[in-house]
Amino acid sequence: MRGAAIVRVDELQPQENNLDHRKYYLGAGLAIGLLLAICSSAAAQSAPRPDAMLNNGPPTWDANHDGIYTCEEWKAFMDRIFKAADRNHDGSLSPSEFETVRKTDPSLADADFGYFDENQDGKISRKEFVEKPSAFILRFDRNGDCRVTPEEIRAANAPKTDPRAPQERPRDRFH
């Protein structure tokens, strides 16, 4: 019996050692995983976030491709979209026709029918649609000349020196 007990203890020691090693490696793995998660979270919080208006790249309505976005180019772009979306050619967009607008360009994917329908008559006239100010120009045109230059985009995305500083409100330069 005595020999059997020794064999049994000898058989248990390697299993206990393996269990100790597994616990050690599991603990080390969890600690490393937690450390990596914390580091990546901290890096994501400290990294500057790109402007949401530039998530899809620069706007597509720069007609002459000079990198300067003007109110005239915006209105011409919106006029082309209006003409394409007005399927029945009645001079206004119905809610179903407006869905074509939302599919036309990524910058209009989240466009709201009510935003354009200023008089709330259930349809959007050409004037209501084309004359609506560009949120992009309102956001980036710092000097009010109805032109957004690459320098203005860079300046708007530059880190602010004091986050408590008052923010300039966008101006409507179309009306």
Protein backbone atom coordinates (compact mmCIF):
# COMPACT_ATOMS: atom_id res chain seq x y z
CA MET A 1 0.00 0.00 0.00
CA ARG A 2 2.76 2.24 0.86
CA GLY A 3 4.27 2.01 -2.61
CA ALA A 4 0.91 2.74 -4.14
CA ALA A 5 0.55 5.90 -2.09
CA ILE A 6 3.97 7.16 -3.14
CA VAL A 7 3.18 6.55 -6.77
CA ARG A 8 -0.06 8.36 -6.39
CA VAL A 9 1.63 11.40 -4.80
CA ASP A 10 4.28 11.35 -7.51
CA GLU A 11 1.55 11.28 -10.15
CA LEU A 12 -0.20 14.27 -8.56
CA GLN A 13 2.87 16.52 -8.33
CA PRO A 14 3.33 16.96 -12.13
CA GLN A 15 -0.39 17.69 -12.47
CA GLU A 16 -0.19 20.28 -9.68
CA ASN A 17 2.89 21.82 -11.30
CA ASN A 18 1.04 22.00 -14.65
CA LEU A 19 -1.92 23.64 -12.92
CA ASP A 20 0.39 26.18 -11.27
CA HIS A 21 1.98 26.97 -14.65
CA ARG A 22 -1.43 27.38 -16.27
CA LYS A 23 -2.56 29.76 -13.54
CA TYR A 24 0.64 31.76 -13.92
CA TYR A 25 0.32 32.07 -17.70
CA LEU A 26 -3.40 32.83 -17.50
CA GLY A 27 -2.76 35.59 -14.96
CA ALA A 28 0.10 37.03 -17.00
CA GLY A 29 -2.03 36.93 -20.17
CA LEU A 30 -4.91 38.70 -18.46
CA ALA A 31 -2.58 41.37 -17.07
CA ILE A 32 -1.03 42.00 -20.51
CA GLY A 33 -4.47 42.12 -22.15
CA LEU A 34 -5.73 44.60 -19.58
CA LEU A 35 -2.62 46.75 -19.99
CA LEU A 36 -3.04 46.78 -23.79
CA ALA A 37 -6.72 47.72 -23.47
CA ILE A 38 -5.91 50.61 -21.15
CA CYS A 39 -3.09 51.87 -23.39
CA SER A 40 -5.19 51.76 -26.55
CA SER A 41 -8.07 53.53 -24.80
CA ALA A 42 -5.75 56.27 -23.56
CA ALA A 43 -4.21 56.67 -27.01
CA ALA A 44 -7.65 56.94 -28.62
CA GLN A 45 -8.69 59.64 -26.15
CA SER A 46 -5.58 61.73 -26.61
CA ALA A 47 -5.39 61.44 -30.41
CA PRO A 48 -6.97 64.39 -32.25
CA ARG A 49 -10.24 63.43 -33.83
CA PRO A 50 -10.86 64.45 -37.44
CA ASP A 51 -13.65 66.86 -38.21
CA ALA A 52 -16.89 64.97 -38.87
CA MET A 53 -17.50 67.05 -42.01
CA LEU A 54 -14.31 65.64 -43.52
CA ASN A 55 -14.93 61.97 -42.66
CA ASN A 56 -15.75 61.18 -46.29
CA GLY A 57 -12.83 63.20 -47.63
CA PRO A 58 -13.05 66.64 -49.20
CA PRO A 59 -16.40 67.66 -50.65
CA THR A 60 -17.08 66.57 -54.23
CA TRP A 61 -18.66 69.84 -55.33
CA ASP A 62 -15.40 71.71 -56.00
CA ALA A 63 -16.29 72.22 -59.67
CA ASN A 64 -12.91 73.48 -60.90
CA HIS A 65 -10.92 71.18 -58.55
CA ASP A 66 -8.80 74.02 -57.21
CA GLY A 67 -9.24 73.02 -53.56
CA ILE A 68 -11.30 76.13 -52.82
CA TYR A 69 -14.99 75.59 -52.08
CA THR A 70 -17.25 78.50 -52.97
CA CYS A 71 -20.90 79.36 -52.42
CA GLU A 72 -21.40 79.46 -56.18
CA GLU A 73 -20.03 75.93 -56.55
CA TRP A 74 -22.29 74.77 -53.71
CA LYS A 75 -25.38 76.28 -55.34
CA ALA A 76 -24.51 74.79 -58.74
CA PHE A 77 -24.01 71.39 -57.09
CA MET A 78 -27.34 71.63 -55.26
CA ASP A 79 -29.10 72.74 -58.46
CA ARG A 80 -27.80 69.65 -60.30
CA ILE A 81 -28.98 67.41 -57.46
CA PHE A 82 -32.39 69.10 -57.41
CA LYS A 83 -32.87 68.59 -61.16
CA ALA A 84 -31.88 64.92 -60.90
CA ALA A 85 -34.16 64.28 -57.91
CA ASP A 86 -37.23 66.10 -59.32
CA ARG A 87 -38.38 63.06 -61.30
CA ASN A 88 -41.81 64.42 -62.19
CA HIS A 89 -40.37 67.86 -63.11
CA ASP A 90 -42.94 69.79 -61.10
CA GLY A 91 -40.37 72.18 -59.61
CA SER A 92 -40.46 70.70 -56.11
CA LEU A 93 -39.25 67.64 -54.25
CA SER A 94 -41.65 65.33 -52.48
CA PRO A 95 -40.46 63.24 -49.52
CA SER A 96 -40.01 60.22 -51.82
CA GLU A 97 -38.02 62.29 -54.34
CA PHE A 98 -35.92 63.62 -51.47
CA GLU A 99 -34.65 60.09 -50.81
CA THR A 100 -32.74 60.41 -54.11
CA VAL A 101 -30.98 63.47 -52.65
CA ARG A 102 -29.81 61.47 -49.64
CA LYS A 103 -28.27 58.83 -51.90
CA THR A 104 -26.54 61.31 -54.21
CA ASP A 105 -23.58 62.36 -52.07
CA PRO A 106 -22.17 61.21 -48.71
CA SER A 107 -22.42 64.77 -47.36
CA LEU A 108 -26.21 64.60 -47.83
CA ALA A 109 -26.74 61.07 -46.48
CA ASP A 110 -28.16 62.40 -43.21
CA ALA A 111 -30.03 65.33 -44.74
CA ASP A 112 -33.41 66.06 -43.22
CA PHE A 113 -36.45 66.87 -45.36
CA GLY A 114 -37.74 69.34 -42.77
CA TYR A 115 -34.48 71.27 -42.78
CA PHE A 116 -34.97 72.18 -46.44
CA ASP A 117 -38.76 72.58 -46.32
CA GLU A 118 -38.64 76.03 -44.72
CA ASN A 119 -42.34 76.86 -45.15
CA GLN A 120 -43.37 73.36 -44.02
CA ASP A 121 -45.73 72.80 -46.95
CA GLY A 122 -44.66 69.16 -47.43
CA LYS A 123 -42.51 69.84 -50.49
CA ILE A 124 -39.17 71.49 -51.16
CA SER A 125 -39.01 74.16 -53.82
CA ARG A 126 -35.92 74.68 -55.94
CA LYS A 127 -35.24 77.95 -54.10
CA GLU A 128 -35.57 76.30 -50.66
CA PHE A 129 -33.13 73.61 -51.73
CA VAL A 130 -30.52 75.52 -53.72
CA GLU A 131 -30.40 78.62 -51.52
CA LYS A 132 -29.92 76.65 -48.28
CA PRO A 133 -26.47 77.50 -46.89
CA SER A 134 -23.78 74.89 -46.98
CA ALA A 135 -22.99 73.63 -43.48
CA PHE A 136 -19.45 73.04 -44.74
CA ILE A 137 -18.98 76.69 -45.71
CA LEU A 138 -20.62 77.88 -42.50
CA ARG A 139 -18.23 75.69 -40.53
CA PHE A 140 -14.95 76.50 -42.27
CA ASP A 141 -15.22 79.98 -43.88
CA ARG A 142 -13.41 81.97 -41.22
CA ASN A 143 -13.22 85.34 -43.02
CA GLY A 144 -16.76 85.47 -44.44
CA ASP A 145 -15.84 85.66 -48.13
CA CYS A 146 -18.01 82.66 -49.09
CA ARG A 147 -14.88 80.70 -50.00
CA VAL A 148 -13.24 77.90 -48.01
CA THR A 149 -9.53 77.54 -48.64
CA PRO A 150 -7.24 74.68 -47.59
CA GLU A 151 -5.68 77.04 -45.04
CA GLU A 152 -9.08 77.68 -43.43
CA ILE A 153 -9.73 73.94 -43.19
CA ARG A 154 -6.33 73.37 -41.57
CA ALA A 155 -6.87 76.28 -39.18
CA ALA A 156 -10.29 74.97 -38.16
CA ASN A 157 -8.83 71.54 -37.41
CA ALA A 158 -5.78 72.83 -35.56
CA PRO A 159 -5.82 72.07 -31.84
CA LYS A 160 -7.18 74.91 -29.81
CA THR A 161 -4.77 76.40 -27.31
CA ASP A 162 -7.36 76.83 -24.59
CA PRO A 163 -10.46 74.59 -24.63
CA ARG A 164 -12.25 77.12 -22.42
CA ALA A 165 -11.92 79.85 -25.05
CA PRO A 166 -15.24 80.94 -26.58
CA GLN A 167 -16.07 79.36 -29.91
CA GLU A 168 -17.09 81.53 -32.83
CA ARG A 169 -20.62 80.85 -33.97
CA PRO A 170 -21.17 80.06 -37.67
CA ARG A 171 -22.64 82.89 -39.70
CA ASP A 172 -25.20 82.61 -42.49
CA ARG A 173 -23.57 84.43 -45.40
CA PHE A 174 -26.08 83.37 -48.04
CA HIS A 175 -29.06 85.59 -47.27
